[in-house]
């Protein structure tokens, strides 16, 4: 019996199977380089998507308030609450003052130009003024000529893609801009 039949090692003439240590180290180095490039881009994508999704939720909420005002033929208020943990926006039932729909956000700050918005029966942004007692006085016939602004910004913005500005025109139309609100 020959030694080559007993030992499972290939003879000198055949090609070796498997990878060398040098080949494995090169592959690991390439993976490390790709990871250092991809991880910051992925984190940027997460920030952008977080701001975009919360912007879409606010647009849906404003649209709901406006359509409910027209459907019910009455004024429908929206309120915004901001605290240390995040923000909350509500569309309120005009008769019971209970929330019809609520959305909230964290890690994305909300800075509304007003803490309360009112849509009248025609879907226009109406005037709402806080009096000396802290109560809100709604004037559905008074046109809110200034409109309203809702600024959204990620807690660590690095580009304008991490900011959105919702402008609600006096007509009730909503414009979303990828920039910081003035």
C-alpha atoms as a PDB file:
ATOM      1  CA  UNK A   1       0.000   0.000   0.000  1.00  0.00           C
ATOM      2  CA  UNK A   2       1.268   3.414  -0.908  1.00  0.00           C
ATOM      3  CA  UNK A   3       1.444   6.384   1.435  1.00  0.00           C
ATOM      4  CA  UNK A   4      -0.557   8.573  -0.942  1.00  0.00           C
ATOM      5  CA  UNK A   5      -3.505   6.214  -0.665  1.00  0.00           C
ATOM      6  CA  UNK A   6      -3.511   6.399   3.141  1.00  0.00           C
ATOM      7  CA  UNK A   7      -3.064  10.164   3.636  1.00  0.00           C
ATOM      8  CA  UNK A   8      -5.901  12.422   2.398  1.00  0.00           C
ATOM      9  CA  UNK A   9      -3.552  15.210   1.299  1.00  0.00           C
ATOM     10  CA  UNK A  10      -3.475  16.085  -2.389  1.00  0.00           C
ATOM     11  CA  UNK A  11      -0.376  15.397  -4.376  1.00  0.00           C
ATOM     12  CA  UNK A  12       1.828  18.189  -5.613  1.00  0.00           C
ATOM     13  CA  UNK A  13       0.298  18.173  -9.054  1.00  0.00           C
ATOM     14  CA  UNK A  14      -3.324  18.919  -8.047  1.00  0.00           C
ATOM     15  CA  UNK A  15      -4.703  22.418  -7.200  1.00  0.00           C
ATOM     16  CA  UNK A  16      -5.330  23.260  -3.531  1.00  0.00           C
ATOM     17  CA  UNK A  17      -8.908  23.794  -2.301  1.00  0.00           C
ATOM     18  CA  UNK A  18      -9.916  26.500   0.220  1.00  0.00           C
ATOM     19  CA  UNK A  19      -8.748  30.048   0.895  1.00  0.00           C
ATOM     20  CA  UNK A  20      -5.464  31.318   2.124  1.00  0.00           C
ATOM     21  CA  UNK A  21      -5.210  33.562   5.164  1.00  0.00           C
ATOM     22  CA  UNK A  22      -4.179  36.463   2.934  1.00  0.00           C
ATOM     23  CA  UNK A  23      -7.324  36.104   0.774  1.00  0.00           C
ATOM     24  CA  UNK A  24      -9.562  36.076   3.845  1.00  0.00           C
ATOM     25  CA  UNK A  25      -7.869  39.202   5.241  1.00  0.00           C
ATOM     26  CA  UNK A  26      -8.368  41.046   1.935  1.00  0.00           C
ATOM     27  CA  UNK A  27     -12.095  40.161   1.913  1.00  0.00           C
ATOM     28  CA  UNK A  28     -12.493  41.327   5.527  1.00  0.00           C
ATOM     29  CA  UNK A  29     -10.712  44.602   4.720  1.00  0.00           C
ATOM     30  CA  UNK A  30     -13.022  45.247   1.739  1.00  0.00           C
ATOM     31  CA  UNK A  31     -16.091  44.561   3.900  1.00  0.00           C
ATOM     32  CA  UNK A  32     -14.811  46.957   6.591  1.00  0.00           C
ATOM     33  CA  UNK A  33     -14.243  49.716   4.019  1.00  0.00           C
ATOM     34  CA  UNK A  34     -17.733  49.259   2.555  1.00  0.00           C
ATOM     35  CA  UNK A  35     -19.288  49.304   6.045  1.00  0.00           C
ATOM     36  CA  UNK A  36     -17.579  52.600   6.955  1.00  0.00           C
ATOM     37  CA  UNK A  37     -19.026  54.146   3.810  1.00  0.00           C
ATOM     38  CA  UNK A  38     -22.509  52.621   4.077  1.00  0.00           C
ATOM     39  CA  UNK A  39     -23.332  53.156   7.770  1.00  0.00           C
ATOM     40  CA  UNK A  40     -23.319  57.009   7.736  1.00  0.00           C
ATOM     41  CA  UNK A  41     -25.352  57.013   4.524  1.00  0.00           C
ATOM     42  CA  UNK A  42     -27.837  54.626   6.095  1.00  0.00           C
ATOM     43  CA  UNK A  43     -28.145  56.801   9.211  1.00  0.00           C
ATOM     44  CA  UNK A  44     -28.779  59.832   6.974  1.00  0.00           C
ATOM     45  CA  UNK A  45     -31.489  57.869   5.159  1.00  0.00           C
ATOM     46  CA  UNK A  46     -33.152  56.980   8.484  1.00  0.00           C
ATOM     47  CA  UNK A  47     -33.225  60.658   9.550  1.00  0.00           C
ATOM     48  CA  UNK A  48     -34.675  61.738   6.204  1.00  0.00           C
ATOM     49  CA  UNK A  49     -37.366  59.045   6.294  1.00  0.00           C
ATOM     50  CA  UNK A  50     -38.300  59.836   9.889  1.00  0.00           C
ATOM     51  CA  UNK A  51     -38.882  63.515   9.051  1.00  0.00           C
ATOM     52  CA  UNK A  52     -40.729  62.624   5.829  1.00  0.00           C
ATOM     53  CA  UNK A  53     -43.077  60.151   7.535  1.00  0.00           C
ATOM     54  CA  UNK A  54     -43.964  62.562  10.345  1.00  0.00           C
ATOM     55  CA  UNK A  55     -44.513  65.304   7.778  1.00  0.00           C
ATOM     56  CA  UNK A  56     -46.902  63.016   5.883  1.00  0.00           C
ATOM     57  CA  UNK A  57     -48.781  62.283   9.112  1.00  0.00           C
ATOM     58  CA  UNK A  58     -49.211  66.008   9.758  1.00  0.00           C
ATOM     59  CA  UNK A  59     -50.374  66.635   6.191  1.00  0.00           C
ATOM     60  CA  UNK A  60     -52.966  63.871   6.617  1.00  0.00           C
ATOM     61  CA  UNK A  61     -54.092  65.376   9.926  1.00  0.00           C
ATOM     62  CA  UNK A  62     -54.483  68.877   8.478  1.00  0.00           C
ATOM     63  CA  UNK A  63     -56.340  67.437   5.487  1.00  0.00           C
ATOM     64  CA  UNK A  64     -58.665  65.554   7.838  1.00  0.00           C
ATOM     65  CA  UNK A  65     -59.413  68.705   9.852  1.00  0.00           C
ATOM     66  CA  UNK A  66     -60.171  70.640   6.695  1.00  0.00           C
ATOM     67  CA  UNK A  67     -62.390  67.947   5.182  1.00  0.00           C
ATOM     68  CA  UNK A  68     -64.261  67.413   8.465  1.00  0.00           C
ATOM     69  CA  UNK A  69     -65.008  71.144   8.627  1.00  0.00           C
ATOM     70  CA  UNK A  70     -66.482  71.078   5.139  1.00  0.00           C
ATOM     71  CA  UNK A  71     -68.338  67.778   5.712  1.00  0.00           C
ATOM     72  CA  UNK A  72     -69.862  68.878   9.025  1.00  0.00           C
ATOM     73  CA  UNK A  73     -70.417  72.432   7.814  1.00  0.00           C
ATOM     74  CA  UNK A  74     -68.872  73.869  10.984  1.00  0.00           C
ATOM     75  CA  UNK A  75     -65.503  74.904  12.351  1.00  0.00           C
ATOM     76  CA  UNK A  76     -63.036  72.158  13.258  1.00  0.00           C
ATOM     77  CA  UNK A  77     -60.039  72.981  15.474  1.00  0.00           C
ATOM     78  CA  UNK A  78     -56.576  71.442  15.587  1.00  0.00           C
ATOM     79  CA  UNK A  79     -54.271  71.729  18.581  1.00  0.00           C
ATOM     80  CA  UNK A  80     -50.550  71.191  19.027  1.00  0.00           C
ATOM     81  CA  UNK A  81     -48.879  70.207  22.298  1.00  0.00           C
ATOM     82  CA  UNK A  82     -45.115  70.240  22.669  1.00  0.00           C
ATOM     83  CA  UNK A  83     -43.251  68.919  25.699  1.00  0.00           C
ATOM     84  CA  UNK A  84     -39.794  67.590  26.534  1.00  0.00           C
ATOM     85  CA  UNK A  85     -40.419  64.131  25.074  1.00  0.00           C
ATOM     86  CA  UNK A  86     -41.930  65.131  21.736  1.00  0.00           C
ATOM     87  CA  UNK A  87     -45.079  66.642  20.302  1.00  0.00           C
ATOM     88  CA  UNK A  88     -48.699  65.762  19.724  1.00  0.00           C
ATOM     89  CA  UNK A  89     -51.181  67.118  17.194  1.00  0.00           C
ATOM     90  CA  UNK A  90     -54.942  66.567  17.427  1.00  0.00           C
ATOM     91  CA  UNK A  91     -57.989  67.185  15.315  1.00  0.00           C
ATOM     92  CA  UNK A  92     -60.764  67.998  17.782  1.00  0.00           C
ATOM     93  CA  UNK A  93     -64.458  67.266  17.534  1.00  0.00           C
ATOM     94  CA  UNK A  94     -66.127  70.700  17.389  1.00  0.00           C
ATOM     95  CA  UNK A  95     -69.033  69.583  19.608  1.00  0.00           C
ATOM     96  CA  UNK A  96     -67.358  67.505  22.339  1.00  0.00           C
ATOM     97  CA  UNK A  97     -63.759  68.767  22.087  1.00  0.00           C
ATOM     98  CA  UNK A  98     -62.603  65.122  22.068  1.00  0.00           C
ATOM     99  CA  UNK A  99     -59.840  64.102  19.700  1.00  0.00           C
ATOM    100  CA  UNK A 100     -61.031  62.756  16.352  1.00  0.00           C
ATOM    101  CA  UNK A 101     -57.509  61.780  15.421  1.00  0.00           C
ATOM    102  CA  UNK A 102     -54.125  62.216  17.066  1.00  0.00           C
ATOM    103  CA  UNK A 103     -50.581  61.891  15.839  1.00  0.00           C
ATOM    104  CA  UNK A 104     -47.366  62.338  17.736  1.00  0.00           C
ATOM    105  CA  UNK A 105     -43.675  62.404  17.107  1.00  0.00           C
ATOM    106  CA  UNK A 106     -40.374  61.985  18.853  1.00  0.00           C
ATOM    107  CA  UNK A 107     -36.826  62.662  17.674  1.00  0.00           C
ATOM    108  CA  UNK A 108     -38.324  65.176  15.235  1.00  0.00           C
ATOM    109  CA  UNK A 109     -39.202  68.564  16.682  1.00  0.00           C
ATOM    110  CA  UNK A 110     -42.349  70.455  15.696  1.00  0.00           C
ATOM    111  CA  UNK A 111     -42.507  74.239  15.832  1.00  0.00           C
ATOM    112  CA  UNK A 112     -45.966  75.511  14.854  1.00  0.00           C
ATOM    113  CA  UNK A 113     -46.534  79.198  14.204  1.00  0.00           C
ATOM    114  CA  UNK A 114     -49.728  78.817  16.279  1.00  0.00           C
ATOM    115  CA  UNK A 115     -50.674  76.233  18.906  1.00  0.00           C
ATOM    116  CA  UNK A 116     -54.221  76.079  17.530  1.00  0.00           C
ATOM    117  CA  UNK A 117     -55.621  76.102  14.004  1.00  0.00           C
ATOM    118  CA  UNK A 118     -59.264  76.433  12.966  1.00  0.00           C
ATOM    119  CA  UNK A 119     -60.835  75.454   9.650  1.00  0.00           C
ATOM    120  CA  UNK A 120     -64.211  76.993   8.839  1.00  0.00           C
ATOM    121  CA  UNK A 121     -67.117  75.346   7.026  1.00  0.00           C
ATOM    122  CA  UNK A 122     -65.653  76.288   3.633  1.00  0.00           C
ATOM    123  CA  UNK A 123     -62.299  74.662   4.453  1.00  0.00           C
ATOM    124  CA  UNK A 124     -60.486  77.962   4.881  1.00  0.00           C
ATOM    125  CA  UNK A 125     -58.083  78.664   7.708  1.00  0.00           C
ATOM    126  CA  UNK A 126     -60.080  80.801  10.135  1.00  0.00           C
ATOM    127  CA  UNK A 127     -58.893  83.161  12.837  1.00  0.00           C
ATOM    128  CA  UNK A 128     -58.388  81.892  16.366  1.00  0.00           C
ATOM    129  CA  UNK A 129     -57.184  84.220  19.116  1.00  0.00           C
ATOM    130  CA  UNK A 130     -56.228  83.468  22.719  1.00  0.00           C
ATOM    131  CA  UNK A 131     -57.849  85.960  25.095  1.00  0.00           C
ATOM    132  CA  UNK A 132     -56.596  87.250  28.471  1.00  0.00           C
ATOM    133  CA  UNK A 133     -58.151  84.284  30.339  1.00  0.00           C
ATOM    134  CA  UNK A 134     -56.232  81.786  28.234  1.00  0.00           C
ATOM    135  CA  UNK A 135     -59.355  80.682  26.369  1.00  0.00           C
ATOM    136  CA  UNK A 136     -59.499  80.475  22.607  1.00  0.00           C
ATOM    137  CA  UNK A 137     -61.960  82.671  20.756  1.00  0.00           C
ATOM    138  CA  UNK A 138     -62.716  81.392  17.283  1.00  0.00           C
ATOM    139  CA  UNK A 139     -63.998  83.659  14.571  1.00  0.00           C
ATOM    140  CA  UNK A 140     -64.929  81.382  11.659  1.00  0.00           C
ATOM    141  CA  UNK A 141     -65.883  84.332   9.467  1.00  0.00           C
ATOM    142  CA  UNK A 142     -62.574  86.112   9.988  1.00  0.00           C
ATOM    143  CA  UNK A 143     -60.066  85.167   7.325  1.00  0.00           C
ATOM    144  CA  UNK A 144     -56.650  84.117   8.615  1.00  0.00           C
ATOM    145  CA  UNK A 145     -54.675  86.111   6.048  1.00  0.00           C
ATOM    146  CA  UNK A 146     -51.282  85.091   7.411  1.00  0.00           C
ATOM    147  CA  UNK A 147     -51.827  81.358   7.066  1.00  0.00           C
ATOM    148  CA  UNK A 148     -49.900  79.003   9.319  1.00  0.00           C
ATOM    149  CA  UNK A 149     -46.533  77.327   9.383  1.00  0.00           C
ATOM    150  CA  UNK A 150     -45.445  73.996  10.867  1.00  0.00           C
ATOM    151  CA  UNK A 151     -41.690  73.466  11.005  1.00  0.00           C
ATOM    152  CA  UNK A 152     -40.364  69.923  11.403  1.00  0.00           C
ATOM    153  CA  UNK A 153     -36.716  69.237  12.059  1.00  0.00           C
ATOM    154  CA  UNK A 154     -34.795  66.138  13.119  1.00  0.00           C
ATOM    155  CA  UNK A 155     -33.121  66.409  16.515  1.00  0.00           C
ATOM    156  CA  UNK A 156     -29.677  66.266  14.830  1.00  0.00           C
ATOM    157  CA  UNK A 157     -30.141  67.835  11.392  1.00  0.00           C
ATOM    158  CA  UNK A 158     -27.151  67.839   9.095  1.00  0.00           C
ATOM    159  CA  UNK A 159     -28.803  68.819   5.799  1.00  0.00           C
ATOM    160  CA  UNK A 160     -32.020  70.456   4.593  1.00  0.00           C
ATOM    161  CA  UNK A 161     -33.352  66.951   3.874  1.00  0.00           C
ATOM    162  CA  UNK A 162     -33.748  66.633   7.658  1.00  0.00           C
ATOM    163  CA  UNK A 163     -36.109  69.630   7.718  1.00  0.00           C
ATOM    164  CA  UNK A 164     -39.592  70.215   6.348  1.00  0.00           C
ATOM    165  CA  UNK A 165     -41.784  73.284   6.357  1.00  0.00           C
ATOM    166  CA  UNK A 166     -45.555  72.868   6.031  1.00  0.00           C
ATOM    167  CA  UNK A 167     -47.202  76.072   4.934  1.00  0.00           C
ATOM    168  CA  UNK A 168     -50.967  76.140   5.295  1.00  0.00           C
ATOM    169  CA  UNK A 169     -52.310  78.896   3.093  1.00  0.00           C
ATOM    170  CA  UNK A 170     -55.409  80.881   4.101  1.00  0.00           C
ATOM    171  CA  UNK A 171     -57.348  78.872   1.511  1.00  0.00           C
ATOM    172  CA  UNK A 172     -56.460  75.684   3.414  1.00  0.00           C
ATOM    173  CA  UNK A 173     -54.046  74.445   0.770  1.00  0.00           C
ATOM    174  CA  UNK A 174     -50.918  72.738   2.150  1.00  0.00           C
ATOM    175  CA  UNK A 175     -47.439  73.221   0.699  1.00  0.00           C
ATOM    176  CA  UNK A 176     -44.517  71.119   1.892  1.00  0.00           C
ATOM    177  CA  UNK A 177     -41.021  72.496   1.362  1.00  0.00           C
ATOM    178  CA  UNK A 178     -37.686  70.811   2.015  1.00  0.00           C
ATOM    179  CA  UNK A 179     -36.147  73.673   3.925  1.00  0.00           C
ATOM    180  CA  UNK A 180     -36.073  75.429   7.228  1.00  0.00           C
ATOM    181  CA  UNK A 181     -39.099  77.663   7.876  1.00  0.00           C
ATOM    182  CA  UNK A 182     -38.454  81.402   8.084  1.00  0.00           C
END
